[in-house]
Amino acid sequence: MNYDVVKVFDFDDPPLHDPAAVFYVLHPEAFRTKRMRVDIERGSLLSRGQTVCDVYGRSQKPPNARVALSVNVPLFWKHMVAAVHA
């Protein structure tokens, strides 16, 4: 794949979703999270399958997920590097 990571993801490196999910299970204290409503778009041909987070509570539906908003990046990389060297 040849693309500009900064333009696509708006940060220097591409996201690592699966390792981040495992890291959350092991170190939830390293994340800032928020309970909110999360649904999957099923009706639109354009956005079918898209995850939709009701960040501002506009749907009036009860929260059904805890969404990670940020992570302690240095701590994440410390553990990733240690795991690779283990």
C-alpha atoms as a PDB file:
ATOM      1  CA  MET A   1       0.000   0.000   0.000  1.00  0.00           C
ATOM      2  CA  ASN A   2       1.423   3.356  -0.949  1.00  0.00           C
ATOM      3  CA  TYR A   3      -0.256   6.286   0.781  1.00  0.00           C
ATOM      4  CA  ASP A   4       0.595   9.150   3.089  1.00  0.00           C
ATOM      5  CA  VAL A   5      -0.109   7.875   6.620  1.00  0.00           C
ATOM      6  CA  VAL A   6      -0.422  11.385   8.046  1.00  0.00           C
ATOM      7  CA  LYS A   7      -3.062  12.371   5.464  1.00  0.00           C
ATOM      8  CA  VAL A   8      -5.071   9.160   5.883  1.00  0.00           C
ATOM      9  CA  PHE A   9      -4.972   8.772   9.685  1.00  0.00           C
ATOM     10  CA  ASP A  10      -4.121  12.340  10.812  1.00  0.00           C
ATOM     11  CA  PHE A  11      -1.124  11.110  12.826  1.00  0.00           C
ATOM     12  CA  ASP A  12       2.391   9.887  12.119  1.00  0.00           C
ATOM     13  CA  ASP A  13       1.823   6.117  12.223  1.00  0.00           C
ATOM     14  CA  PRO A  14      -1.090   3.890  11.183  1.00  0.00           C
ATOM     15  CA  PRO A  15      -3.412   2.654  13.944  1.00  0.00           C
ATOM     16  CA  LEU A  16      -2.863  -0.759  15.541  1.00  0.00           C
ATOM     17  CA  HIS A  17      -6.430  -1.726  16.443  1.00  0.00           C
ATOM     18  CA  ASP A  18      -5.903  -5.378  17.421  1.00  0.00           C
ATOM     19  CA  PRO A  19      -2.861  -4.797  19.657  1.00  0.00           C
ATOM     20  CA  ALA A  20      -4.670  -1.836  21.224  1.00  0.00           C
ATOM     21  CA  ALA A  21      -7.676  -4.049  22.033  1.00  0.00           C
ATOM     22  CA  VAL A  22      -5.433  -6.612  23.718  1.00  0.00           C
ATOM     23  CA  PHE A  23      -3.626  -3.822  25.567  1.00  0.00           C
ATOM     24  CA  TYR A  24      -6.999  -2.528  26.838  1.00  0.00           C
ATOM     25  CA  VAL A  25      -7.818  -5.942  28.305  1.00  0.00           C
ATOM     26  CA  LEU A  26      -4.460  -6.014  30.082  1.00  0.00           C
ATOM     27  CA  HIS A  27      -4.220  -2.317  31.048  1.00  0.00           C
ATOM     28  CA  PRO A  28      -7.606  -0.553  30.995  1.00  0.00           C
ATOM     29  CA  GLU A  29      -6.171   2.149  33.252  1.00  0.00           C
ATOM     30  CA  ALA A  30      -4.038   3.335  30.303  1.00  0.00           C
ATOM     31  CA  PHE A  31      -7.175   4.413  28.390  1.00  0.00           C
ATOM     32  CA  ARG A  32      -9.629   7.285  28.718  1.00  0.00           C
ATOM     33  CA  THR A  33     -13.047   5.892  27.880  1.00  0.00           C
ATOM     34  CA  LYS A  34     -16.658   7.026  27.726  1.00  0.00           C
ATOM     35  CA  ARG A  35     -19.910   5.042  27.832  1.00  0.00           C
ATOM     36  CA  MET A  36     -22.018   5.827  24.806  1.00  0.00           C
ATOM     37  CA  ARG A  37     -24.457   4.351  22.343  1.00  0.00           C
ATOM     38  CA  VAL A  38     -22.804   2.434  19.507  1.00  0.00           C
ATOM     39  CA  ASP A  39     -24.716   0.988  16.568  1.00  0.00           C
ATOM     40  CA  ILE A  40     -23.833  -0.473  13.178  1.00  0.00           C
ATOM     41  CA  GLU A  41     -25.315   1.201  10.092  1.00  0.00           C
ATOM     42  CA  ARG A  42     -27.436  -1.311   8.180  1.00  0.00           C
ATOM     43  CA  GLY A  43     -29.719   0.790   6.011  1.00  0.00           C
ATOM     44  CA  SER A  44     -27.485   2.876   3.780  1.00  0.00           C
ATOM     45  CA  LEU A  45     -25.759   1.421   0.740  1.00  0.00           C
ATOM     46  CA  LEU A  46     -23.078   4.092   1.083  1.00  0.00           C
ATOM     47  CA  SER A  47     -22.195   3.467   4.729  1.00  0.00           C
ATOM     48  CA  ARG A  48     -23.478  -0.060   5.451  1.00  0.00           C
ATOM     49  CA  GLY A  49     -21.346  -1.651   8.179  1.00  0.00           C
ATOM     50  CA  GLN A  50     -20.104   1.657   9.549  1.00  0.00           C
ATOM     51  CA  THR A  51     -19.778   1.873  13.332  1.00  0.00           C
ATOM     52  CA  VAL A  52     -21.729   4.886  14.588  1.00  0.00           C
ATOM     53  CA  CYS A  53     -20.919   6.294  18.039  1.00  0.00           C
ATOM     54  CA  ASP A  54     -23.476   8.659  19.551  1.00  0.00           C
ATOM     55  CA  VAL A  55     -20.820  10.854  21.171  1.00  0.00           C
ATOM     56  CA  TYR A  56     -23.265  13.618  22.150  1.00  0.00           C
ATOM     57  CA  GLY A  57     -26.226  11.449  23.226  1.00  0.00           C
ATOM     58  CA  ARG A  58     -28.542  12.763  20.522  1.00  0.00           C
ATOM     59  CA  SER A  59     -30.230   9.423  19.843  1.00  0.00           C
ATOM     60  CA  GLN A  60     -31.663   9.304  23.390  1.00  0.00           C
ATOM     61  CA  LYS A  61     -30.846   5.569  23.369  1.00  0.00           C
ATOM     62  CA  PRO A  62     -29.052   4.126  26.406  1.00  0.00           C
ATOM     63  CA  PRO A  63     -25.283   3.614  26.211  1.00  0.00           C
ATOM     64  CA  ASN A  64     -24.360   0.067  25.228  1.00  0.00           C
ATOM     65  CA  ALA A  65     -20.557   0.237  24.940  1.00  0.00           C
ATOM     66  CA  ARG A  66     -17.454   1.747  26.474  1.00  0.00           C
ATOM     67  CA  VAL A  67     -15.521   3.598  23.761  1.00  0.00           C
ATOM     68  CA  ALA A  68     -11.819   4.359  24.059  1.00  0.00           C
ATOM     69  CA  LEU A  69     -11.116   8.027  23.377  1.00  0.00           C
ATOM     70  CA  SER A  70      -7.379   8.044  24.042  1.00  0.00           C
ATOM     71  CA  VAL A  71      -4.529   5.858  25.229  1.00  0.00           C
ATOM     72  CA  ASN A  72      -1.253   6.454  27.007  1.00  0.00           C
ATOM     73  CA  VAL A  73       0.833   6.039  23.854  1.00  0.00           C
ATOM     74  CA  PRO A  74       4.284   5.844  25.507  1.00  0.00           C
ATOM     75  CA  LEU A  75       3.021   3.132  27.874  1.00  0.00           C
ATOM     76  CA  PHE A  76       1.445   1.238  24.973  1.00  0.00           C
ATOM     77  CA  TRP A  77       4.740   1.232  23.039  1.00  0.00           C
ATOM     78  CA  LYS A  78       6.734   0.296  26.137  1.00  0.00           C
ATOM     79  CA  HIS A  79       4.614  -2.853  26.473  1.00  0.00           C
ATOM     80  CA  MET A  80       4.607  -3.582  22.721  1.00  0.00           C
ATOM     81  CA  VAL A  81       8.398  -3.421  22.503  1.00  0.00           C
ATOM     82  CA  ALA A  82       8.767  -5.545  25.657  1.00  0.00           C
ATOM     83  CA  ALA A  83       6.415  -8.176  24.184  1.00  0.00           C
ATOM     84  CA  VAL A  84       8.408  -8.342  20.959  1.00  0.00           C
ATOM     85  CA  HIS A  85      11.665  -8.780  22.881  1.00  0.00           C
ATOM     86  CA  ALA A  86      10.226 -11.398  25.253  1.00  0.00           C
END
